Amino acid sequence: MRATIRDDVLYLHPEDVPQYKKGGSVVRNSYFWALRSIAARSPRYGEWEYEAEVWLALQRLLTSFFESGYLPLRETQLEFPPDATIPPVLRSVSCWE
């Protein structure tokens, strides 16, 4: 998921956030609700925002869903621009584009 950090807020690109699908996969829908539940803002067509206070929870959530084996790495890893500094708490679930 493409990510950027501005003013200690992590933003997820709107095209990369998981989608809720009625009647869809239980794992994917659970992932959607888990990510949405810790977001400061999660507009339907905008960037989802995560304040620094929840980054540890976000890291644990991404790790848990990746380790479940139901979601691929590209859906559970944060991708930062090449010049971005990745905070230590998010390094285990992040890479550069």
Protein backbone atom coordinates (compact mmCIF):
# COMPACT_ATOMS: atom_id res chain seq x y z
CA MET A 1 0.00 0.00 0.00
CA ARG A 2 1.45 3.33 -1.00
CA ALA A 3 2.04 5.48 2.06
CA THR A 4 3.34 8.91 2.95
CA ILE A 5 3.90 10.70 6.25
CA ARG A 6 3.16 14.38 6.74
CA ASP A 7 3.14 16.11 10.14
CA ASP A 8 3.27 12.78 12.03
CA VAL A 9 0.23 11.42 10.19
CA LEU A 10 0.55 8.39 7.91
CA TYR A 11 -1.60 8.54 4.78
CA LEU A 12 -2.58 5.50 2.70
CA HIS A 13 -3.26 6.03 -0.99
CA PRO A 14 -7.03 5.68 -1.65
CA GLU A 15 -6.56 3.14 -4.46
CA ASP A 16 -4.58 0.86 -2.13
CA VAL A 17 -6.81 0.64 0.93
CA PRO A 18 -8.85 -2.56 1.21
CA GLN A 19 -12.44 -2.51 0.01
CA TYR A 20 -15.41 -3.88 1.91
CA LYS A 21 -17.44 -6.24 -0.23
CA LYS A 22 -20.82 -7.48 0.94
CA GLY A 23 -20.65 -11.23 0.69
CA GLY A 24 -16.90 -11.05 0.10
CA SER A 25 -14.06 -12.84 1.82
CA VAL A 26 -14.33 -12.85 5.60
CA VAL A 27 -10.57 -12.23 5.90
CA ARG A 28 -10.58 -9.27 3.52
CA ASN A 29 -13.64 -7.73 5.14
CA SER A 30 -12.12 -8.24 8.60
CA TYR A 31 -8.93 -6.58 7.33
CA PHE A 32 -10.97 -3.63 6.05
CA TRP A 33 -12.75 -3.15 9.40
CA ALA A 34 -9.57 -3.63 11.45
CA LEU A 35 -7.67 -1.00 9.43
CA ARG A 36 -10.63 1.34 9.46
CA SER A 37 -11.16 0.99 13.22
CA ILE A 38 -7.74 2.47 14.08
CA ALA A 39 -7.75 5.15 11.37
CA ALA A 40 -8.18 8.77 12.40
CA ARG A 41 -10.03 9.34 9.11
CA SER A 42 -11.08 6.85 6.47
CA PRO A 43 -13.12 8.65 3.80
CA ARG A 44 -14.65 6.49 1.10
CA TYR A 45 -12.70 8.09 -1.77
CA GLY A 46 -9.79 9.71 0.05
CA GLU A 47 -6.59 8.90 1.86
CA TRP A 48 -6.90 6.99 5.10
CA GLU A 49 -5.06 8.70 7.95
CA TYR A 50 -3.23 7.14 10.89
CA GLU A 51 -1.84 9.29 13.69
CA ALA A 52 1.51 8.37 15.25
CA GLU A 53 -0.23 7.10 18.41
CA VAL A 54 -1.61 4.08 16.51
CA TRP A 55 1.43 3.19 14.41
CA LEU A 56 2.37 0.31 16.72
CA ALA A 57 -1.17 -1.06 16.44
CA LEU A 58 -1.00 -0.63 12.66
CA GLN A 59 2.31 -2.50 12.54
CA ARG A 60 0.88 -5.38 14.58
CA LEU A 61 -2.28 -5.49 12.49
CA LEU A 62 -0.35 -5.61 9.18
CA THR A 63 1.98 -8.28 10.55
CA SER A 64 -0.90 -10.39 11.82
CA PHE A 65 -2.83 -10.34 8.56
CA PHE A 66 0.31 -11.07 6.51
CA GLU A 67 1.30 -13.98 8.77
CA SER A 68 -2.21 -15.46 8.47
CA GLY A 69 -1.27 -16.45 4.92
CA TYR A 70 -4.54 -15.21 3.44
CA LEU A 71 -3.29 -11.85 2.17
CA PRO A 72 -0.23 -11.27 -0.01
CA LEU A 73 2.68 -9.07 1.04
CA ARG A 74 1.73 -6.29 -1.40
CA GLU A 75 -1.59 -5.84 0.44
CA THR A 76 -0.05 -5.77 3.92
CA GLN A 77 3.15 -3.81 3.33
CA LEU A 78 3.54 -0.04 3.36
CA GLU A 79 5.40 1.36 0.34
CA PHE A 80 7.07 4.72 0.90
CA PRO A 81 8.62 7.06 -1.67
CA PRO A 82 12.38 6.51 -2.14
CA ASP A 83 13.31 9.68 -0.27
CA ALA A 84 11.03 9.03 2.73
CA THR A 85 12.24 8.27 6.23
CA ILE A 86 10.44 5.24 7.60
CA PRO A 87 9.77 5.45 11.35
CA PRO A 88 11.38 2.62 13.34
CA VAL A 89 8.02 1.25 14.52
CA LEU A 90 6.90 0.74 10.90
CA ARG A 91 10.14 -0.60 9.38
CA SER A 92 9.20 -4.27 9.72
CA VAL A 93 6.10 -3.75 7.58
CA SER A 94 7.50 -1.21 5.12
CA CYS A 95 9.65 -0.82 2.04
CA TRP A 96 10.54 1.91 -0.44
CA GLU A 97 8.86 2.06 -3.85
